[in-house]
Amino acid sequence: MNAPITEIDILIRLSLGFLAGTVIGLERASRHQMAGLRTHVLIAVGATLLMLLSIWLPGQFGEKGGDPARIAAQVVSGIGFLGAGAIIRLGNNIKGLTTAASLWLVAAVGLTIGAGMFLAAGITVVISLVTLVLLHRLEKRIFPGVRNKLLELHYKSGVSPGISATQEVLASFGLQSQSMDVNQKAGKDKATRIRYLVSIPDKTDLPQLARALKAAGDVSRVEIKEKY
């Protein structure tokens, strides 16, 4: 039979749960994610507390057949709702998947600490930090990100001489145009607006792109917006 959980055990385990949530939450908060420091701390401490409760209940009420893993299983299932709330969609881009995964992981760390597996929890926190910090930098270097954005060009007059020049500029920057929408005013004012949906790598120098587009044709204004 396992030794009863003492007040010192409770204090140590809840403190370690707080520390684990703080370490992972600080990394997420540094990247301005929706689920940051406080969210991760609350989940880690809450999971630790629920694990302590699931261990304490069978011994307290003399239930020999009690299953300490039952509450833990419900925590693992329930944390998916919080993770789903951290995922947002911006046009064709999905954000928050890594934060959702970190919420699920920090809940597992809290349960592990609550069960008294301190070494396993500590190793998991170290691995998660390596994944979130070092692998993030490596991933951006090897696989530069690409975002879909709206490129809006305002021409002073007709667009016949301007479209081909614009396409050449986009090609020179390695950008791919997925669609194009032309809006030309009637009457004396023949100013034209063209909206492109383009895939722009994160490493693209946007100010330089805007200057090149203005220099290539009869462009009065360049706007680059997020695709929602």
Protein backbone atom coordinates (compact mmCIF):
# COMPACT_ATOMS: atom_id res chain seq x y z
CA MET A 1 0.00 0.00 0.00
CA ASN A 2 1.33 3.43 -0.90
CA ALA A 3 2.30 5.87 1.83
CA PRO A 4 -0.27 8.63 2.40
CA ILE A 5 0.34 12.03 0.84
CA THR A 6 1.54 14.49 3.46
CA GLU A 7 1.14 18.27 3.56
CA ILE A 8 4.79 18.62 2.53
CA ASP A 9 4.16 16.40 -0.51
CA ILE A 10 1.19 18.55 -1.49
CA LEU A 11 3.20 21.77 -1.16
CA ILE A 12 6.15 20.41 -3.14
CA ARG A 13 4.05 18.99 -5.96
CA LEU A 14 1.84 22.06 -6.37
CA SER A 15 4.94 24.30 -6.33
CA LEU A 16 6.60 22.19 -9.01
CA GLY A 17 3.40 22.30 -11.06
CA PHE A 18 3.45 26.09 -10.76
CA LEU A 19 7.12 26.17 -11.84
CA ALA A 20 6.53 23.91 -14.86
CA GLY A 21 3.58 25.99 -16.03
CA THR A 22 5.59 29.20 -15.55
CA VAL A 23 8.56 27.99 -17.60
CA ILE A 24 6.48 26.85 -20.58
CA GLY A 25 4.01 29.74 -20.27
CA LEU A 26 6.79 32.35 -20.37
CA GLU A 27 8.00 30.98 -23.70
CA ARG A 28 4.48 31.17 -25.17
CA ALA A 29 3.91 34.66 -23.73
CA SER A 30 7.20 35.86 -25.27
CA ARG A 31 5.70 35.09 -28.69
CA HIS A 32 2.45 36.92 -27.82
CA GLN A 33 0.30 33.79 -28.09
CA MET A 34 -3.34 33.76 -27.02
CA ALA A 35 -2.65 31.26 -24.23
CA GLY A 36 0.27 32.72 -22.31
CA LEU A 37 1.80 32.62 -18.84
CA ARG A 38 -1.31 32.62 -16.63
CA THR A 39 -3.16 30.06 -18.75
CA HIS A 40 -0.28 27.57 -18.64
CA VAL A 41 0.27 28.07 -14.91
CA LEU A 42 -3.41 27.53 -14.09
CA ILE A 43 -3.60 24.38 -16.21
CA ALA A 44 -0.40 22.92 -14.75
CA VAL A 45 -1.41 23.61 -11.14
CA GLY A 46 -4.97 22.45 -11.75
CA ALA A 47 -3.80 19.19 -13.32
CA THR A 48 -1.41 18.65 -10.40
CA LEU A 49 -4.21 19.21 -7.91
CA LEU A 50 -6.56 16.82 -9.72
CA MET A 51 -3.86 14.14 -9.77
CA LEU A 52 -3.31 14.58 -6.03
CA LEU A 53 -7.06 14.30 -5.51
CA SER A 54 -7.30 11.12 -7.58
CA ILE A 55 -4.51 9.54 -5.50
CA TRP A 56 -5.95 10.75 -2.18
CA LEU A 57 -9.59 9.73 -2.62
CA PRO A 58 -9.25 5.90 -2.71
CA GLY A 59 -7.11 5.83 0.43
CA GLN A 60 -9.30 8.32 2.26
CA PHE A 61 -12.50 6.36 1.78
CA GLY A 62 -10.95 2.89 1.88
CA GLU A 63 -11.74 2.03 -1.73
CA LYS A 64 -9.36 -0.80 -2.50
CA GLY A 65 -10.50 -0.93 -6.09
CA GLY A 66 -10.18 2.80 -6.63
CA ASP A 67 -8.63 3.89 -9.91
CA PRO A 68 -6.34 6.97 -9.57
CA ALA A 69 -6.09 7.19 -13.37
CA ARG A 70 -9.80 7.91 -13.84
CA ILE A 71 -9.63 11.64 -13.07
CA ALA A 72 -6.39 11.92 -15.04
CA ALA A 73 -8.11 10.46 -18.10
CA GLN A 74 -10.86 13.08 -17.84
CA VAL A 75 -8.27 15.86 -17.63
CA VAL A 76 -6.56 14.64 -20.79
CA SER A 77 -9.91 14.59 -22.62
CA GLY A 78 -11.14 17.91 -21.26
CA ILE A 79 -7.99 19.87 -22.05
CA GLY A 80 -8.84 19.51 -25.74
CA PHE A 81 -11.55 22.16 -25.38
CA LEU A 82 -9.05 24.71 -24.12
CA GLY A 83 -6.62 23.77 -26.87
CA ALA A 84 -9.32 24.27 -29.51
CA GLY A 85 -9.92 27.77 -28.14
CA ALA A 86 -6.27 28.67 -28.78
CA ILE A 87 -6.52 27.77 -32.49
CA ILE A 88 -7.60 30.53 -34.84
CA ARG A 89 -7.87 30.74 -38.61
CA LEU A 90 -6.66 33.74 -40.60
CA GLY A 91 -7.75 33.16 -44.18
CA ASN A 92 -5.83 30.11 -45.34
CA ASN A 93 -3.46 30.30 -42.37
CA ILE A 94 -3.93 28.39 -39.13
CA LYS A 95 -2.44 29.80 -35.92
CA GLY A 96 -2.31 28.43 -32.41
CA LEU A 97 -1.64 24.74 -33.07
CA THR A 98 1.66 24.82 -31.17
CA THR A 99 0.05 26.65 -28.25
CA ALA A 100 -2.78 24.10 -28.17
CA ALA A 101 -0.18 21.33 -28.07
CA SER A 102 1.69 23.09 -25.25
CA LEU A 103 -1.55 23.32 -23.24
CA TRP A 104 -2.08 19.59 -23.63
CA LEU A 105 1.56 18.93 -22.68
CA VAL A 106 1.53 21.16 -19.60
CA ALA A 107 -1.58 19.35 -18.37
CA ALA A 108 0.29 16.06 -18.73
CA VAL A 109 3.25 17.54 -16.85
CA GLY A 110 0.93 18.64 -14.03
CA LEU A 111 -0.58 15.16 -13.78
CA THR A 112 2.90 13.63 -13.74
CA ILE A 113 4.05 15.94 -10.95
CA GLY A 114 0.89 15.22 -8.99
CA ALA A 115 1.64 11.51 -9.25
CA GLY A 116 5.15 12.08 -7.86
CA MET A 117 7.11 11.33 -11.06
CA PHE A 118 9.37 14.38 -10.70
CA LEU A 119 12.18 13.17 -12.96
CA ALA A 120 9.82 12.40 -15.84
CA ALA A 121 8.15 15.80 -15.46
CA GLY A 122 11.49 17.63 -15.35
CA ILE A 123 12.79 15.86 -18.46
CA THR A 124 9.53 16.64 -20.27
CA VAL A 125 9.80 20.36 -19.43
CA VAL A 126 13.38 20.46 -20.74
CA ILE A 127 12.41 18.65 -23.95
CA SER A 128 9.43 20.97 -24.47
CA LEU A 129 11.62 24.07 -24.10
CA VAL A 130 14.14 22.67 -26.58
CA THR A 131 11.26 22.02 -28.98
CA LEU A 132 9.62 25.43 -28.55
CA VAL A 133 12.79 27.54 -28.62
CA LEU A 134 15.64 25.81 -30.45
CA LEU A 135 13.62 23.79 -32.96
CA HIS A 136 11.53 26.88 -33.73
CA ARG A 137 14.66 28.73 -34.83
CA LEU A 138 15.90 25.73 -36.80
CA GLU A 139 12.53 25.28 -38.49
CA LYS A 140 12.38 28.92 -39.59
CA ARG A 141 15.90 28.66 -41.01
CA ILE A 142 15.28 25.43 -42.95
CA PHE A 143 11.62 25.98 -43.85
CA PRO A 144 10.91 29.71 -44.09
CA GLY A 145 7.25 30.45 -43.49
CA VAL A 146 4.89 31.62 -46.24
CA ARG A 147 1.79 33.72 -45.57
CA ASN A 148 -1.11 34.54 -47.86
CA LYS A 149 -1.65 38.30 -47.97
CA LEU A 150 -3.73 40.78 -49.93
CA LEU A 151 -1.60 43.03 -52.09
CA GLU A 152 -3.61 46.09 -53.11
CA LEU A 153 -2.26 48.41 -55.81
CA HIS A 154 -3.83 51.78 -56.64
CA TYR A 155 -3.05 53.01 -60.17
CA LYS A 156 -3.38 56.62 -61.23
CA SER A 157 -4.89 55.69 -64.60
CA GLY A 158 -5.43 52.62 -66.81
CA VAL A 159 -3.75 49.35 -65.96
CA SER A 160 -2.82 48.04 -69.39
CA PRO A 161 0.87 48.99 -69.11
CA GLY A 162 0.95 48.31 -65.36
CA ILE A 163 -0.14 44.70 -64.95
CA SER A 164 2.75 43.10 -66.81
CA ALA A 165 5.28 45.25 -64.93
CA THR A 166 3.68 44.30 -61.62
CA GLN A 167 3.83 40.60 -62.48
CA GLU A 168 7.51 40.92 -63.28
CA VAL A 169 8.19 42.55 -59.90
CA LEU A 170 6.29 39.83 -58.06
CA ALA A 171 8.23 37.14 -59.94
CA SER A 172 11.55 38.83 -59.14
CA PHE A 173 10.72 38.64 -55.41
CA GLY A 174 9.70 34.99 -55.72
CA LEU A 175 6.03 35.69 -54.99
CA GLN A 176 3.16 33.65 -56.39
CA SER A 177 -0.11 35.34 -57.30
CA GLN A 178 -3.11 33.09 -56.58
CA SER A 179 -5.84 35.43 -57.78
CA MET A 180 -6.39 38.96 -59.07
CA ASP A 181 -9.36 41.32 -58.81
CA VAL A 182 -9.54 44.51 -60.95
CA ASN A 183 -11.75 47.47 -60.06
CA GLN A 184 -11.64 50.35 -62.56
CA LYS A 185 -13.62 53.55 -62.14
CA ALA A 186 -15.65 54.93 -65.04
CA GLY A 187 -15.74 58.50 -66.33
CA LYS A 188 -12.94 60.99 -66.38
CA ASP A 189 -11.28 59.49 -63.34
CA LYS A 190 -9.93 56.20 -64.66
CA ALA A 191 -8.03 55.34 -61.48
CA THR A 192 -7.80 51.60 -61.02
CA ARG A 193 -7.38 49.32 -58.03
CA ILE A 194 -6.04 45.79 -58.35
CA ARG A 195 -6.09 43.30 -55.48
CA TYR A 196 -3.78 40.29 -55.61
CA LEU A 197 -3.84 37.30 -53.29
CA VAL A 198 -0.15 36.43 -53.04
CA SER A 199 1.97 33.96 -51.07
CA ILE A 200 4.69 36.02 -49.37
CA PRO A 201 7.61 34.32 -47.53
CA ASP A 202 8.32 35.69 -44.04
CA LYS A 203 11.82 36.73 -45.10
CA THR A 204 10.49 39.08 -47.82
CA ASP A 205 11.50 42.72 -47.41
CA LEU A 206 8.05 44.31 -47.62
CA PRO A 207 9.19 47.98 -47.78
CA GLN A 208 11.55 47.09 -50.65
CA LEU A 209 8.74 45.25 -52.42
CA ALA A 210 6.46 48.29 -52.11
CA ARG A 211 9.14 50.58 -53.52
CA ALA A 212 9.77 48.23 -56.46
CA LEU A 213 6.05 48.08 -57.27
CA LYS A 214 5.75 51.86 -57.24
CA ALA A 215 8.76 52.23 -59.49
CA ALA A 216 7.56 49.61 -61.97
CA GLY A 217 4.30 51.22 -63.04
CA ASP A 218 1.82 54.01 -62.61
CA VAL A 219 1.19 53.04 -58.96
CA SER A 220 0.16 55.71 -56.46
CA ARG A 221 -0.28 53.53 -53.38
CA VAL A 222 0.67 50.02 -52.25
CA GLU A 223 -1.10 48.24 -49.39
CA ILE A 224 -0.25 44.81 -47.99
CA LYS A 225 -2.91 43.35 -45.69
CA GLU A 226 -3.58 40.12 -43.83
CA LYS A 227 -5.93 37.71 -45.61
CA TYR A 228 -8.86 37.04 -43.22
